[in-house]
């Protein structure tokens, strides 16, 4: 399972709110909802988030082995 928990930690560390992502960077509310519920996102979107946050993939997601 992919978890996007590190995404929210990275946002906090960088001082960026979800409001700013929506209004300044054009990130949709539906994308934020997908991240919140650990639903799939595209690699293009992942690349966009890494660019916006100036971070690595590991700062946005983590793989958790399913049991």
PDB file of N, CA and C in Angstrom:
ATOM      1  N   UNK A   1       0.846  -1.172   0.000  1.00  0.00           N
ATOM      2  CA  UNK A   1       0.000   0.000   0.000  1.00  0.00           C
ATOM      3  C   UNK A   1       0.897   1.243   0.000  1.00  0.00           C
ATOM      4  N   UNK A   2       0.478   2.222  -0.741  1.00  0.00           N
ATOM      5  CA  UNK A   2       1.168   3.509  -0.755  1.00  0.00           C
ATOM      6  C   UNK A   2       0.455   4.442   0.212  1.00  0.00           C
ATOM      7  N   UNK A   3       1.213   5.057   1.097  1.00  0.00           N
ATOM      8  CA  UNK A   3       0.674   6.037   2.027  1.00  0.00           C
ATOM      9  C   UNK A   3       1.284   7.400   1.708  1.00  0.00           C
ATOM     10  N   UNK A   4       0.446   8.414   1.728  1.00  0.00           N
ATOM     11  CA  UNK A   4       0.911   9.774   1.468  1.00  0.00           C
ATOM     12  C   UNK A   4       1.097  10.569   2.758  1.00  0.00           C
ATOM     13  N   UNK A   5       1.219   9.897   3.871  1.00  0.00           N
ATOM     14  CA  UNK A   5       1.434  10.576   5.151  1.00  0.00           C
ATOM     15  C   UNK A   5       2.654  11.504   5.130  1.00  0.00           C
ATOM     16  N   UNK A   6       3.762  11.104   4.500  1.00  0.00           N
ATOM     17  CA  UNK A   6       4.911  12.014   4.464  1.00  0.00           C
ATOM     18  C   UNK A   6       4.622  13.336   3.749  1.00  0.00           C
ATOM     19  N   UNK A   7       3.653  13.342   2.846  1.00  0.00           N
ATOM     20  CA  UNK A   7       3.278  14.563   2.132  1.00  0.00           C
ATOM     21  C   UNK A   7       2.886  15.660   3.109  1.00  0.00           C
ATOM     22  N   UNK A   8       2.057  15.306   4.089  1.00  0.00           N
ATOM     23  CA  UNK A   8       1.584  16.304   5.046  1.00  0.00           C
ATOM     24  C   UNK A   8       2.693  16.768   5.992  1.00  0.00           C
ATOM     25  N   UNK A   9       3.604  15.873   6.308  1.00  0.00           N
ATOM     26  CA  UNK A   9       4.773  16.251   7.109  1.00  0.00           C
ATOM     27  C   UNK A   9       5.641  17.226   6.330  1.00  0.00           C
ATOM     28  N   UNK A  10       5.809  16.966   5.054  1.00  0.00           N
ATOM     29  CA  UNK A  10       6.610  17.840   4.198  1.00  0.00           C
ATOM     30  C   UNK A  10       5.960  19.207   4.054  1.00  0.00           C
ATOM     31  N   UNK A  11       4.646  19.231   3.878  1.00  0.00           N
ATOM     32  CA  UNK A  11       3.943  20.519   3.806  1.00  0.00           C
ATOM     33  C   UNK A  11       4.199  21.345   5.063  1.00  0.00           C
ATOM     34  N   UNK A  12       4.063  20.704   6.203  1.00  0.00           N
ATOM     35  CA  UNK A  12       4.260  21.408   7.475  1.00  0.00           C
ATOM     36  C   UNK A  12       5.700  21.915   7.605  1.00  0.00           C
ATOM     37  N   UNK A  13       6.656  21.057   7.260  1.00  0.00           N
ATOM     38  CA  UNK A  13       8.070  21.430   7.356  1.00  0.00           C
ATOM     39  C   UNK A  13       8.407  22.604   6.434  1.00  0.00           C
ATOM     40  N   UNK A  14       7.770  22.636   5.268  1.00  0.00           N
ATOM     41  CA  UNK A  14       8.039  23.694   4.287  1.00  0.00           C
ATOM     42  C   UNK A  14       7.182  24.934   4.524  1.00  0.00           C
ATOM     43  N   UNK A  15       6.221  24.834   5.444  1.00  0.00           N
ATOM     44  CA  UNK A  15       5.357  25.978   5.748  1.00  0.00           C
ATOM     45  C   UNK A  15       4.365  26.295   4.637  1.00  0.00           C
ATOM     46  N   UNK A  16       3.909  25.259   3.937  1.00  0.00           N
ATOM     47  CA  UNK A  16       2.956  25.441   2.845  1.00  0.00           C
ATOM     48  C   UNK A  16       1.623  24.817   3.249  1.00  0.00           C
ATOM     49  N   UNK A  17       0.570  25.599   3.122  1.00  0.00           N
ATOM     50  CA  UNK A  17      -0.763  25.097   3.468  1.00  0.00           C
ATOM     51  C   UNK A  17      -1.440  24.502   2.235  1.00  0.00           C
ATOM     52  N   UNK A  18      -2.469  23.706   2.477  1.00  0.00           N
ATOM     53  CA  UNK A  18      -3.238  23.177   1.355  1.00  0.00           C
ATOM     54  C   UNK A  18      -3.941  24.324   0.627  1.00  0.00           C
ATOM     55  N   UNK A  19      -4.307  25.358   1.345  1.00  0.00           N
ATOM     56  CA  UNK A  19      -4.899  26.551   0.733  1.00  0.00           C
ATOM     57  C   UNK A  19      -3.949  27.151  -0.298  1.00  0.00           C
ATOM     58  N   UNK A  20      -2.688  27.250   0.064  1.00  0.00           N
ATOM     59  CA  UNK A  20      -1.698  27.812  -0.859  1.00  0.00           C
ATOM     60  C   UNK A  20      -1.500  26.896  -2.063  1.00  0.00           C
ATOM     61  N   UNK A  21      -1.510  25.578  -1.842  1.00  0.00           N
ATOM     62  CA  UNK A  21      -1.384  24.649  -2.969  1.00  0.00           C
ATOM     63  C   UNK A  21      -2.517  24.848  -3.968  1.00  0.00           C
ATOM     64  N   UNK A  22      -3.715  25.046  -3.454  1.00  0.00           N
ATOM     65  CA  UNK A  22      -4.875  25.217  -4.312  1.00  0.00           C
ATOM     66  C   UNK A  22      -4.834  26.559  -5.042  1.00  0.00           C
ATOM     67  N   UNK A  23      -4.598  27.622  -4.298  1.00  0.00           N
ATOM     68  CA  UNK A  23      -4.712  28.965  -4.866  1.00  0.00           C
ATOM     69  C   UNK A  23      -3.459  29.482  -5.568  1.00  0.00           C
ATOM     70  N   UNK A  24      -2.301  29.069  -5.129  1.00  0.00           N
ATOM     71  CA  UNK A  24      -1.070  29.570  -5.752  1.00  0.00           C
ATOM     72  C   UNK A  24      -0.497  28.623  -6.798  1.00  0.00           C
ATOM     73  N   UNK A  25      -0.729  27.327  -6.623  1.00  0.00           N
ATOM     74  CA  UNK A  25      -0.110  26.342  -7.515  1.00  0.00           C
ATOM     75  C   UNK A  25      -1.109  25.574  -8.370  1.00  0.00           C
ATOM     76  N   UNK A  26      -2.402  25.834  -8.197  1.00  0.00           N
ATOM     77  CA  UNK A  26      -3.409  25.201  -9.032  1.00  0.00           C
ATOM     78  C   UNK A  26      -3.661  23.731  -8.752  1.00  0.00           C
ATOM     79  N   UNK A  27      -3.301  23.278  -7.563  1.00  0.00           N
ATOM     80  CA  UNK A  27      -3.575  21.894  -7.175  1.00  0.00           C
ATOM     81  C   UNK A  27      -5.068  21.772  -6.869  1.00  0.00           C
ATOM     82  N   UNK A  28      -5.711  20.746  -7.394  1.00  0.00           N
ATOM     83  CA  UNK A  28      -7.158  20.609  -7.210  1.00  0.00           C
ATOM     84  C   UNK A  28      -7.491  20.022  -5.837  1.00  0.00           C
ATOM     85  N   UNK A  29      -8.681  20.352  -5.392  1.00  0.00           N
ATOM     86  CA  UNK A  29      -9.173  19.782  -4.135  1.00  0.00           C
ATOM     87  C   UNK A  29      -9.327  18.274  -4.257  1.00  0.00           C
ATOM     88  N   UNK A  30      -9.687  17.816  -5.447  1.00  0.00           N
ATOM     89  CA  UNK A  30      -9.860  16.372  -5.640  1.00  0.00           C
ATOM     90  C   UNK A  30      -8.528  15.636  -5.507  1.00  0.00           C
ATOM     91  N   UNK A  31      -7.433  16.254  -5.951  1.00  0.00           N
ATOM     92  CA  UNK A  31      -6.121  15.631  -5.768  1.00  0.00           C
ATOM     93  C   UNK A  31      -5.792  15.550  -4.285  1.00  0.00           C
ATOM     94  N   UNK A  32      -6.035  16.607  -3.557  1.00  0.00           N
ATOM     95  CA  UNK A  32      -5.760  16.587  -2.116  1.00  0.00           C
ATOM     96  C   UNK A  32      -6.614  15.536  -1.421  1.00  0.00           C
ATOM     97  N   UNK A  33      -7.845  15.344  -1.895  1.00  0.00           N
ATOM     98  CA  UNK A  33      -8.706  14.305  -1.341  1.00  0.00           C
ATOM     99  C   UNK A  33      -8.132  12.919  -1.649  1.00  0.00           C
ATOM    100  N   UNK A  34      -7.604  12.728  -2.847  1.00  0.00           N
ATOM    101  CA  UNK A  34      -6.986  11.447  -3.226  1.00  0.00           C
ATOM    102  C   UNK A  34      -5.787  11.161  -2.327  1.00  0.00           C
ATOM    103  N   UNK A  35      -4.987  12.183  -2.061  1.00  0.00           N
ATOM    104  CA  UNK A  35      -3.824  12.008  -1.187  1.00  0.00           C
ATOM    105  C   UNK A  35      -4.264  11.678   0.236  1.00  0.00           C
ATOM    106  N   UNK A  36      -5.276  12.369   0.700  1.00  0.00           N
ATOM    107  CA  UNK A  36      -5.774  12.162   2.066  1.00  0.00           C
ATOM    108  C   UNK A  36      -6.266  10.731   2.273  1.00  0.00           C
ATOM    109  N   UNK A  37      -6.852  10.146   1.221  1.00  0.00           N
ATOM    110  CA  UNK A  37      -7.413   8.802   1.320  1.00  0.00           C
ATOM    111  C   UNK A  37      -6.528   7.731   0.690  1.00  0.00           C
ATOM    112  N   UNK A  38      -5.261   8.077   0.445  1.00  0.00           N
ATOM    113  CA  UNK A  38      -4.266   7.135  -0.096  1.00  0.00           C
ATOM    114  C   UNK A  38      -4.725   6.457  -1.382  1.00  0.00           C
ATOM    115  N   UNK A  39      -5.361   7.223  -2.234  1.00  0.00           N
ATOM    116  CA  UNK A  39      -5.781   6.714  -3.536  1.00  0.00           C
ATOM    117  C   UNK A  39      -4.667   6.963  -4.552  1.00  0.00           C
ATOM    118  N   UNK A  40      -4.663   6.225  -5.652  1.00  0.00           N
ATOM    119  CA  UNK A  40      -3.581   6.371  -6.639  1.00  0.00           C
ATOM    120  C   UNK A  40      -3.531   7.759  -7.278  1.00  0.00           C
ATOM    121  N   UNK A  41      -2.309   8.197  -7.568  1.00  0.00           N
ATOM    122  CA  UNK A  41      -2.082   9.407  -8.352  1.00  0.00           C
ATOM    123  C   UNK A  41      -1.079   9.059  -9.441  1.00  0.00           C
ATOM    124  N   UNK A  42      -1.024   9.865 -10.474  1.00  0.00           N
ATOM    125  CA  UNK A  42      -0.111   9.587 -11.588  1.00  0.00           C
ATOM    126  C   UNK A  42       1.308  10.019 -11.248  1.00  0.00           C
ATOM    127  N   UNK A  43       2.248   9.478 -11.993  1.00  0.00           N
ATOM    128  CA  UNK A  43       3.649   9.878 -11.805  1.00  0.00           C
ATOM    129  C   UNK A  43       3.859  11.317 -12.254  1.00  0.00           C
ATOM    130  N   UNK A  44       3.050  11.790 -13.187  1.00  0.00           N
ATOM    131  CA  UNK A  44       3.130  13.192 -13.609  1.00  0.00           C
ATOM    132  C   UNK A  44       2.747  14.093 -12.434  1.00  0.00           C
ATOM    133  N   UNK A  45       1.685  13.728 -11.734  1.00  0.00           N
ATOM    134  CA  UNK A  45       1.253  14.487 -10.563  1.00  0.00           C
ATOM    135  C   UNK A  45       2.299  14.423  -9.467  1.00  0.00           C
ATOM    136  N   UNK A  46       2.865  13.264  -9.278  1.00  0.00           N
ATOM    137  CA  UNK A  46       3.921  13.097  -8.285  1.00  0.00           C
ATOM    138  C   UNK A  46       5.107  14.001  -8.617  1.00  0.00           C
ATOM    139  N   UNK A  47       5.472  14.040  -9.885  1.00  0.00           N
ATOM    140  CA  UNK A  47       6.555  14.913 -10.336  1.00  0.00           C
ATOM    141  C   UNK A  47       6.209  16.387 -10.078  1.00  0.00           C
ATOM    142  N   UNK A  48       4.971  16.774 -10.358  1.00  0.00           N
ATOM    143  CA  UNK A  48       4.540  18.155 -10.112  1.00  0.00           C
ATOM    144  C   UNK A  48       4.641  18.515  -8.632  1.00  0.00           C
ATOM    145  N   UNK A  49       4.211  17.605  -7.767  1.00  0.00           N
ATOM    146  CA  UNK A  49       4.290  17.864  -6.331  1.00  0.00           C
ATOM    147  C   UNK A  49       5.738  17.992  -5.865  1.00  0.00           C
ATOM    148  N   UNK A  50       6.605  17.127  -6.379  1.00  0.00           N
ATOM    149  CA  UNK A  50       8.028  17.209  -6.028  1.00  0.00           C
ATOM    150  C   UNK A  50       8.628  18.544  -6.482  1.00  0.00           C
ATOM    151  N   UNK A  51       8.211  19.004  -7.651  1.00  0.00           N
ATOM    152  CA  UNK A  51       8.706  20.287  -8.165  1.00  0.00           C
ATOM    153  C   UNK A  51       8.210  21.439  -7.306  1.00  0.00           C
ATOM    154  N   UNK A  52       6.929  21.441  -6.998  1.00  0.00           N
ATOM    155  CA  UNK A  52       6.346  22.510  -6.183  1.00  0.00           C
ATOM    156  C   UNK A  52       6.999  22.563  -4.804  1.00  0.00           C
ATOM    157  N   UNK A  53       7.169  21.400  -4.193  1.00  0.00           N
ATOM    158  CA  UNK A  53       7.695  21.349  -2.823  1.00  0.00           C
ATOM    159  C   UNK A  53       9.216  21.276  -2.765  1.00  0.00           C
ATOM    160  N   UNK A  54       9.843  21.180  -3.938  1.00  0.00           N
ATOM    161  CA  UNK A  54      11.303  21.057  -3.995  1.00  0.00           C
ATOM    162  C   UNK A  54      11.767  19.945  -3.058  1.00  0.00           C
ATOM    163  N   UNK A  55      11.241  18.744  -3.313  1.00  0.00           N
ATOM    164  CA  UNK A  55      11.535  17.613  -2.444  1.00  0.00           C
ATOM    165  C   UNK A  55      11.691  16.340  -3.264  1.00  0.00           C
ATOM    166  N   UNK A  56      11.984  15.262  -2.584  1.00  0.00           N
ATOM    167  CA  UNK A  56      12.127  13.947  -3.211  1.00  0.00           C
ATOM    168  C   UNK A  56      10.827  13.167  -3.079  1.00  0.00           C
ATOM    169  N   UNK A  57      10.698  12.123  -3.859  1.00  0.00           N
ATOM    170  CA  UNK A  57       9.507  11.271  -3.819  1.00  0.00           C
ATOM    171  C   UNK A  57       9.271  10.746  -2.408  1.00  0.00           C
ATOM    172  N   UNK A  58      10.334  10.395  -1.711  1.00  0.00           N
ATOM    173  CA  UNK A  58      10.230   9.852  -0.353  1.00  0.00           C
ATOM    174  C   UNK A  58       9.617  10.849   0.625  1.00  0.00           C
ATOM    175  N   UNK A  59       9.626  12.133   0.253  1.00  0.00           N
ATOM    176  CA  UNK A  59       9.022  13.157   1.101  1.00  0.00           C
ATOM    177  C   UNK A  59       7.514  13.272   0.875  1.00  0.00           C
ATOM    178  N   UNK A  60       7.011  12.526  -0.099  1.00  0.00           N
ATOM    179  CA  UNK A  60       5.591  12.579  -0.434  1.00  0.00           C
ATOM    180  C   UNK A  60       4.883  11.259  -0.152  1.00  0.00           C
ATOM    181  N   UNK A  61       5.563  10.153  -0.364  1.00  0.00           N
ATOM    182  CA  UNK A  61       4.907   8.868  -0.176  1.00  0.00           C
ATOM    183  C   UNK A  61       5.849   7.839   0.457  1.00  0.00           C
ATOM    184  N   UNK A  62       5.225   6.806   0.986  1.00  0.00           N
ATOM    185  CA  UNK A  62       5.970   5.690   1.557  1.00  0.00           C
ATOM    186  C   UNK A  62       5.221   4.409   1.207  1.00  0.00           C
ATOM    187  N   UNK A  63       5.979   3.372   0.923  1.00  0.00           N
ATOM    188  CA  UNK A  63       5.374   2.070   0.643  1.00  0.00           C
ATOM    189  C   UNK A  63       5.270   1.294   1.950  1.00  0.00           C
ATOM    190  N   UNK A  64       4.062   0.780   2.219  1.00  0.00           N
ATOM    191  CA  UNK A  64       3.819  -0.049   3.394  1.00  0.00           C
ATOM    192  C   UNK A  64       3.338  -1.388   2.900  1.00  0.00           C
ATOM    193  N   UNK A  65       4.051  -2.442   3.262  1.00  0.00           N
ATOM    194  CA  UNK A  65       3.718  -3.776   2.794  1.00  0.00           C
ATOM    195  C   UNK A  65       2.363  -4.216   3.320  1.00  0.00           C
ATOM    196  N   UNK A  66       1.517  -4.729   2.420  1.00  0.00           N
ATOM    197  CA  UNK A  66       0.219  -5.274   2.826  1.00  0.00           C
ATOM    198  C   UNK A  66       0.417  -6.626   3.476  1.00  0.00           C
ATOM    199  N   UNK A  67      -0.402  -6.910   4.460  1.00  0.00           N
ATOM    200  CA  UNK A  67      -0.316  -8.217   5.132  1.00  0.00           C
ATOM    201  C   UNK A  67      -1.338  -9.171   4.586  1.00  0.00           C
TER     202      UNK A  67
END
